[in-house]
Amino acid sequence: MKGFTNGLLFGALIGGAIALLFAPKTGAETREVLKDKINKAKEELEKKKKELEEMEQKLRSQADEPQA
């Protein structure tokens, strides 16, 4: 699942960048749109990182519990 999610995010970023490069906008507009897209991608990655860290903590605490 992790590989699929990473591939999906990477593909979306590449596809978005290519679409922006061929869009009929000025350089300043294109740079602004790219900056926004990059910031959104960073936010999404931070959210995923937090989710993974929480999952790691949960798994570690479960591993530390005595087995019945």
PDB file of N, CA and C in Angstrom:
ATOM      1  N   MET A   1       0.820  -1.187   0.000  1.00  0.00           N
ATOM      2  CA  MET A   1       0.000   0.000   0.000  1.00  0.00           C
ATOM      3  C   MET A   1       0.867   1.254   0.000  1.00  0.00           C
ATOM      4  N   LYS A   2       1.976   1.193   0.744  1.00  0.00           N
ATOM      5  CA  LYS A   2       2.865   2.347   0.822  1.00  0.00           C
ATOM      6  C   LYS A   2       3.423   2.690  -0.558  1.00  0.00           C
ATOM      7  N   GLY A   3       3.835   1.680  -1.302  1.00  0.00           N
ATOM      8  CA  GLY A   3       4.385   1.895  -2.632  1.00  0.00           C
ATOM      9  C   GLY A   3       3.354   2.486  -3.572  1.00  0.00           C
ATOM     10  N   PHE A   4       2.127   2.025  -3.449  1.00  0.00           N
ATOM     11  CA  PHE A   4       1.053   2.544  -4.290  1.00  0.00           C
ATOM     12  C   PHE A   4       0.806   4.013  -3.984  1.00  0.00           C
ATOM     13  N   THR A   5       0.746   4.359  -2.696  1.00  0.00           N
ATOM     14  CA  THR A   5       0.499   5.746  -2.295  1.00  0.00           C
ATOM     15  C   THR A   5       1.630   6.643  -2.759  1.00  0.00           C
ATOM     16  N   ASN A   6       2.854   6.203  -2.578  1.00  0.00           N
ATOM     17  CA  ASN A   6       4.004   6.991  -3.030  1.00  0.00           C
ATOM     18  C   ASN A   6       3.964   7.174  -4.546  1.00  0.00           C
ATOM     19  N   GLY A   7       3.649   6.114  -5.266  1.00  0.00           N
ATOM     20  CA  GLY A   7       3.567   6.200  -6.720  1.00  0.00           C
ATOM     21  C   GLY A   7       2.462   7.136  -7.164  1.00  0.00           C
ATOM     22  N   LEU A   8       1.344   7.070  -6.454  1.00  0.00           N
ATOM     23  CA  LEU A   8       0.223   7.941  -6.776  1.00  0.00           C
ATOM     24  C   LEU A   8       0.596   9.408  -6.567  1.00  0.00           C
ATOM     25  N   LEU A   9       1.219   9.721  -5.428  1.00  0.00           N
ATOM     26  CA  LEU A   9       1.631  11.103  -5.156  1.00  0.00           C
ATOM     27  C   LEU A   9       2.669  11.573  -6.174  1.00  0.00           C
ATOM     28  N   PHE A  10       3.647  10.725  -6.446  1.00  0.00           N
ATOM     29  CA  PHE A  10       4.693  11.084  -7.398  1.00  0.00           C
ATOM     30  C   PHE A  10       4.103  11.314  -8.789  1.00  0.00           C
ATOM     31  N   GLY A  11       3.228  10.426  -9.221  1.00  0.00           N
ATOM     32  CA  GLY A  11       2.593  10.570 -10.531  1.00  0.00           C
ATOM     33  C   GLY A  11       1.755  11.826 -10.621  1.00  0.00           C
ATOM     34  N   ALA A  12       1.039  12.141  -9.540  1.00  0.00           N
ATOM     35  CA  ALA A  12       0.222  13.357  -9.527  1.00  0.00           C
ATOM     36  C   ALA A  12       1.101  14.598  -9.620  1.00  0.00           C
ATOM     37  N   LEU A  13       2.221  14.598  -8.910  1.00  0.00           N
ATOM     38  CA  LEU A  13       3.125  15.750  -8.967  1.00  0.00           C
ATOM     39  C   LEU A  13       3.726  15.925 -10.363  1.00  0.00           C
ATOM     40  N   ILE A  14       4.177  14.837 -10.943  1.00  0.00           N
ATOM     41  CA  ILE A  14       4.775  14.902 -12.277  1.00  0.00           C
ATOM     42  C   ILE A  14       3.734  15.317 -13.311  1.00  0.00           C
ATOM     43  N   GLY A  15       2.551  14.705 -13.241  1.00  0.00           N
ATOM     44  CA  GLY A  15       1.487  15.061 -14.184  1.00  0.00           C
ATOM     45  C   GLY A  15       1.073  16.515 -14.051  1.00  0.00           C
ATOM     46  N   GLY A  16       0.969  16.973 -12.819  1.00  0.00           N
ATOM     47  CA  GLY A  16       0.619  18.375 -12.591  1.00  0.00           C
ATOM     48  C   GLY A  16       1.681  19.327 -13.111  1.00  0.00           C
ATOM     49  N   ALA A  17       2.934  18.982 -12.891  1.00  0.00           N
ATOM     50  CA  ALA A  17       4.028  19.836 -13.372  1.00  0.00           C
ATOM     51  C   ALA A  17       4.048  19.902 -14.899  1.00  0.00           C
ATOM     52  N   ILE A  18       3.853  18.773 -15.544  1.00  0.00           N
ATOM     53  CA  ILE A  18       3.835  18.746 -17.011  1.00  0.00           C
ATOM     54  C   ILE A  18       2.656  19.558 -17.540  1.00  0.00           C
ATOM     55  N   ALA A  19       1.498  19.389 -16.919  1.00  0.00           N
ATOM     56  CA  ALA A  19       0.315  20.145 -17.351  1.00  0.00           C
ATOM     57  C   ALA A  19       0.548  21.643 -17.198  1.00  0.00           C
ATOM     58  N   LEU A  20       1.196  22.033 -16.104  1.00  0.00           N
ATOM     59  CA  LEU A  20       1.456  23.462 -15.890  1.00  0.00           C
ATOM     60  C   LEU A  20       2.451  24.015 -16.902  1.00  0.00           C
ATOM     61  N   LEU A  21       3.424  23.211 -17.261  1.00  0.00           N
ATOM     62  CA  LEU A  21       4.421  23.684 -18.224  1.00  0.00           C
ATOM     63  C   LEU A  21       3.812  23.940 -19.609  1.00  0.00           C
ATOM     64  N   PHE A  22       2.763  23.204 -19.937  1.00  0.00           N
ATOM     65  CA  PHE A  22       2.132  23.377 -21.242  1.00  0.00           C
ATOM     66  C   PHE A  22       0.899  24.270 -21.192  1.00  0.00           C
ATOM     67  N   ALA A  23       0.576  24.796 -20.026  1.00  0.00           N
ATOM     68  CA  ALA A  23      -0.592  25.670 -19.894  1.00  0.00           C
ATOM     69  C   ALA A  23      -0.254  27.069 -20.412  1.00  0.00           C
ATOM     70  N   PRO A  24      -1.234  27.726 -21.015  1.00  0.00           N
ATOM     71  CA  PRO A  24      -0.984  29.074 -21.551  1.00  0.00           C
ATOM     72  C   PRO A  24      -1.073  30.148 -20.464  1.00  0.00           C
ATOM     73  N   LYS A  25      -0.098  30.178 -19.596  1.00  0.00           N
ATOM     74  CA  LYS A  25      -0.033  31.181 -18.533  1.00  0.00           C
ATOM     75  C   LYS A  25       1.318  31.866 -18.585  1.00  0.00           C
ATOM     76  N   THR A  26       1.396  33.004 -17.935  1.00  0.00           N
ATOM     77  CA  THR A  26       2.684  33.698 -17.864  1.00  0.00           C
ATOM     78  C   THR A  26       3.599  32.937 -16.921  1.00  0.00           C
ATOM     79  N   GLY A  27       4.860  33.251 -16.981  1.00  0.00           N
ATOM     80  CA  GLY A  27       5.831  32.605 -16.102  1.00  0.00           C
ATOM     81  C   GLY A  27       5.521  32.843 -14.638  1.00  0.00           C
ATOM     82  N   ALA A  28       5.141  34.064 -14.304  1.00  0.00           N
ATOM     83  CA  ALA A  28       4.837  34.388 -12.911  1.00  0.00           C
ATOM     84  C   ALA A  28       3.624  33.593 -12.423  1.00  0.00           C
ATOM     85  N   GLU A  29       2.600  33.494 -13.261  1.00  0.00           N
ATOM     86  CA  GLU A  29       1.412  32.726 -12.887  1.00  0.00           C
ATOM     87  C   GLU A  29       1.751  31.250 -12.711  1.00  0.00           C
ATOM     88  N   THR A  30       2.530  30.733 -13.632  1.00  0.00           N
ATOM     89  CA  THR A  30       2.920  29.322 -13.561  1.00  0.00           C
ATOM     90  C   THR A  30       3.736  29.047 -12.311  1.00  0.00           C
ATOM     91  N   ARG A  31       4.681  29.928 -11.984  1.00  0.00           N
ATOM     92  CA  ARG A  31       5.488  29.750 -10.780  1.00  0.00           C
ATOM     93  C   ARG A  31       4.617  29.797  -9.526  1.00  0.00           C
ATOM     94  N   GLU A  32       3.647  30.691  -9.491  1.00  0.00           N
ATOM     95  CA  GLU A  32       2.746  30.794  -8.347  1.00  0.00           C
ATOM     96  C   GLU A  32       1.928  29.510  -8.188  1.00  0.00           C
ATOM     97  N   VAL A  33       1.411  28.989  -9.298  1.00  0.00           N
ATOM     98  CA  VAL A  33       0.637  27.749  -9.248  1.00  0.00           C
ATOM     99  C   VAL A  33       1.522  26.594  -8.792  1.00  0.00           C
ATOM    100  N   LEU A  34       2.741  26.514  -9.325  1.00  0.00           N
ATOM    101  CA  LEU A  34       3.668  25.458  -8.917  1.00  0.00           C
ATOM    102  C   LEU A  34       3.982  25.557  -7.426  1.00  0.00           C
ATOM    103  N   LYS A  35       4.210  26.770  -6.962  1.00  0.00           N
ATOM    104  CA  LYS A  35       4.503  26.978  -5.543  1.00  0.00           C
ATOM    105  C   LYS A  35       3.341  26.494  -4.681  1.00  0.00           C
ATOM    106  N   ASP A  36       2.126  26.812  -5.091  1.00  0.00           N
ATOM    107  CA  ASP A  36       0.949  26.362  -4.350  1.00  0.00           C
ATOM    108  C   ASP A  36       0.845  24.842  -4.348  1.00  0.00           C
ATOM    109  N   LYS A  37       1.061  24.239  -5.502  1.00  0.00           N
ATOM    110  CA  LYS A  37       0.982  22.776  -5.605  1.00  0.00           C
ATOM    111  C   LYS A  37       2.048  22.109  -4.728  1.00  0.00           C
ATOM    112  N   ILE A  38       3.244  22.658  -4.728  1.00  0.00           N
ATOM    113  CA  ILE A  38       4.329  22.105  -3.920  1.00  0.00           C
ATOM    114  C   ILE A  38       3.995  22.229  -2.440  1.00  0.00           C
ATOM    115  N   ASN A  39       3.458  23.374  -2.046  1.00  0.00           N
ATOM    116  CA  ASN A  39       3.085  23.558  -0.639  1.00  0.00           C
ATOM    117  C   ASN A  39       1.994  22.573  -0.224  1.00  0.00           C
ATOM    118  N   LYS A  40       1.021  22.343  -1.100  1.00  0.00           N
ATOM    119  CA  LYS A  40      -0.032  21.377  -0.798  1.00  0.00           C
ATOM    120  C   LYS A  40       0.549  19.971  -0.687  1.00  0.00           C
ATOM    121  N   ALA A  41       1.483  19.642  -1.570  1.00  0.00           N
ATOM    122  CA  ALA A  41       2.118  18.322  -1.524  1.00  0.00           C
ATOM    123  C   ALA A  41       2.910  18.162  -0.227  1.00  0.00           C
ATOM    124  N   LYS A  42       3.606  19.217   0.203  1.00  0.00           N
ATOM    125  CA  LYS A  42       4.352  19.172   1.458  1.00  0.00           C
ATOM    126  C   LYS A  42       3.407  18.937   2.631  1.00  0.00           C
ATOM    127  N   GLU A  43       2.279  19.642   2.632  1.00  0.00           N
ATOM    128  CA  GLU A  43       1.301  19.472   3.703  1.00  0.00           C
ATOM    129  C   GLU A  43       0.779  18.034   3.735  1.00  0.00           C
ATOM    130  N   GLU A  44       0.493  17.496   2.563  1.00  0.00           N
ATOM    131  CA  GLU A  44      -0.008  16.121   2.477  1.00  0.00           C
ATOM    132  C   GLU A  44       1.044  15.133   2.973  1.00  0.00           C
ATOM    133  N   LEU A  45       2.297  15.354   2.604  1.00  0.00           N
ATOM    134  CA  LEU A  45       3.370  14.472   3.064  1.00  0.00           C
ATOM    135  C   LEU A  45       3.554  14.562   4.574  1.00  0.00           C
ATOM    136  N   GLU A  46       3.439  15.764   5.127  1.00  0.00           N
ATOM    137  CA  GLU A  46       3.540  15.930   6.575  1.00  0.00           C
ATOM    138  C   GLU A  46       2.408  15.180   7.279  1.00  0.00           C
ATOM    139  N   LYS A  47       1.212  15.253   6.694  1.00  0.00           N
ATOM    140  CA  LYS A  47       0.063  14.552   7.265  1.00  0.00           C
ATOM    141  C   LYS A  47       0.304  13.039   7.239  1.00  0.00           C
ATOM    142  N   LYS A  48       0.809  12.541   6.117  1.00  0.00           N
ATOM    143  CA  LYS A  48       1.104  11.107   5.994  1.00  0.00           C
ATOM    144  C   LYS A  48       2.200  10.693   6.976  1.00  0.00           C
ATOM    145  N   LYS A  49       3.202  11.553   7.135  1.00  0.00           N
ATOM    146  CA  LYS A  49       4.286  11.269   8.065  1.00  0.00           C
ATOM    147  C   LYS A  49       3.741  11.145   9.489  1.00  0.00           C
ATOM    148  N   LYS A  50       2.862  12.064   9.861  1.00  0.00           N
ATOM    149  CA  LYS A  50       2.273  12.020  11.197  1.00  0.00           C
ATOM    150  C   LYS A  50       1.453  10.745  11.389  1.00  0.00           C
ATOM    151  N   GLU A  51       0.674  10.381  10.365  1.00  0.00           N
ATOM    152  CA  GLU A  51      -0.120   9.147  10.439  1.00  0.00           C
ATOM    153  C   GLU A  51       0.788   7.930  10.626  1.00  0.00           C
ATOM    154  N   LEU A  52       1.888   7.896   9.891  1.00  0.00           N
ATOM    155  CA  LEU A  52       2.820   6.769  10.000  1.00  0.00           C
ATOM    156  C   LEU A  52       3.485   6.730  11.372  1.00  0.00           C
ATOM    157  N   GLU A  53       3.826   7.900  11.906  1.00  0.00           N
ATOM    158  CA  GLU A  53       4.439   7.951  13.232  1.00  0.00           C
ATOM    159  C   GLU A  53       3.458   7.459  14.300  1.00  0.00           C
ATOM    160  N   GLU A  54       2.194   7.858  14.162  1.00  0.00           N
ATOM    161  CA  GLU A  54       1.176   7.393  15.101  1.00  0.00           C
ATOM    162  C   GLU A  54       0.989   5.880  14.996  1.00  0.00           C
ATOM    163  N   MET A  55       0.995   5.369  13.768  1.00  0.00           N
ATOM    164  CA  MET A  55       0.857   3.939  13.561  1.00  0.00           C
ATOM    165  C   MET A  55       2.053   3.199  14.166  1.00  0.00           C
ATOM    166  N   GLU A  56       3.235   3.763  13.981  1.00  0.00           N
ATOM    167  CA  GLU A  56       4.444   3.154  14.549  1.00  0.00           C
ATOM    168  C   GLU A  56       4.337   3.082  16.072  1.00  0.00           C
ATOM    169  N   GLN A  57       3.897   4.176  16.705  1.00  0.00           N
ATOM    170  CA  GLN A  57       3.755   4.188  18.160  1.00  0.00           C
ATOM    171  C   GLN A  57       2.760   3.131  18.618  1.00  0.00           C
ATOM    172  N   LYS A  58       1.652   3.028  17.906  1.00  0.00           N
ATOM    173  CA  LYS A  58       0.629   2.042  18.258  1.00  0.00           C
ATOM    174  C   LYS A  58       1.192   0.627  18.159  1.00  0.00           C
ATOM    175  N   LEU A  59       1.901   0.357  17.075  1.00  0.00           N
ATOM    176  CA  LEU A  59       2.482  -0.975  16.891  1.00  0.00           C
ATOM    177  C   LEU A  59       3.545  -1.278  17.934  1.00  0.00           C
ATOM    178  N   ARG A  60       4.342  -0.279  18.272  1.00  0.00           N
ATOM    179  CA  ARG A  60       5.377  -0.481  19.298  1.00  0.00           C
ATOM    180  C   ARG A  60       4.745  -0.775  20.657  1.00  0.00           C
ATOM    181  N   SER A  61       3.678  -0.036  20.980  1.00  0.00           N
ATOM    182  CA  SER A  61       3.041  -0.276  22.278  1.00  0.00           C
ATOM    183  C   SER A  61       2.378  -1.650  22.299  1.00  0.00           C
ATOM    184  N   GLN A  62       1.827  -2.082  21.170  1.00  0.00           N
ATOM    185  CA  GLN A  62       1.249  -3.422  21.108  1.00  0.00           C
ATOM    186  C   GLN A  62       2.325  -4.487  21.227  1.00  0.00           C
ATOM    187  N   ALA A  63       3.483  -4.232  20.663  1.00  0.00           N
ATOM    188  CA  ALA A  63       4.576  -5.202  20.718  1.00  0.00           C
ATOM    189  C   ALA A  63       5.122  -5.305  22.142  1.00  0.00           C
ATOM    190  N   ASP A  64       5.037  -4.237  22.909  1.00  0.00           N
ATOM    191  CA  ASP A  64       5.541  -4.232  24.286  1.00  0.00           C
ATOM    192  C   ASP A  64       4.582  -4.905  25.260  1.00  0.00           C
ATOM    193  N   GLU A  65       3.324  -5.077  24.872  1.00  0.00           N
ATOM    194  CA  GLU A  65       2.353  -5.714  25.756  1.00  0.00           C
ATOM    195  C   GLU A  65       2.660  -7.196  25.869  1.00  0.00           C
ATOM    196  N   PRO A  66       2.482  -7.738  27.077  1.00  0.00           N
ATOM    197  CA  PRO A  66       2.724  -9.183  27.245  1.00  0.00           C
ATOM    198  C   PRO A  66       1.712 -10.004  26.459  1.00  0.00           C
ATOM    199  N   GLN A  67       2.187 -11.083  25.892  1.00  0.00           N
ATOM    200  CA  GLN A  67       1.341 -11.991  25.128  1.00  0.00           C
ATOM    201  C   GLN A  67       0.639 -12.957  26.068  1.00  0.00           C
ATOM    202  N   ALA A  68      -0.626 -13.252  25.758  1.00  0.00           N
ATOM    203  CA  ALA A  68      -1.393 -14.181  26.610  1.00  0.00           C
ATOM    204  C   ALA A  68      -1.127 -15.618  26.259  1.00  0.00           C
TER     205      ALA A  68
END
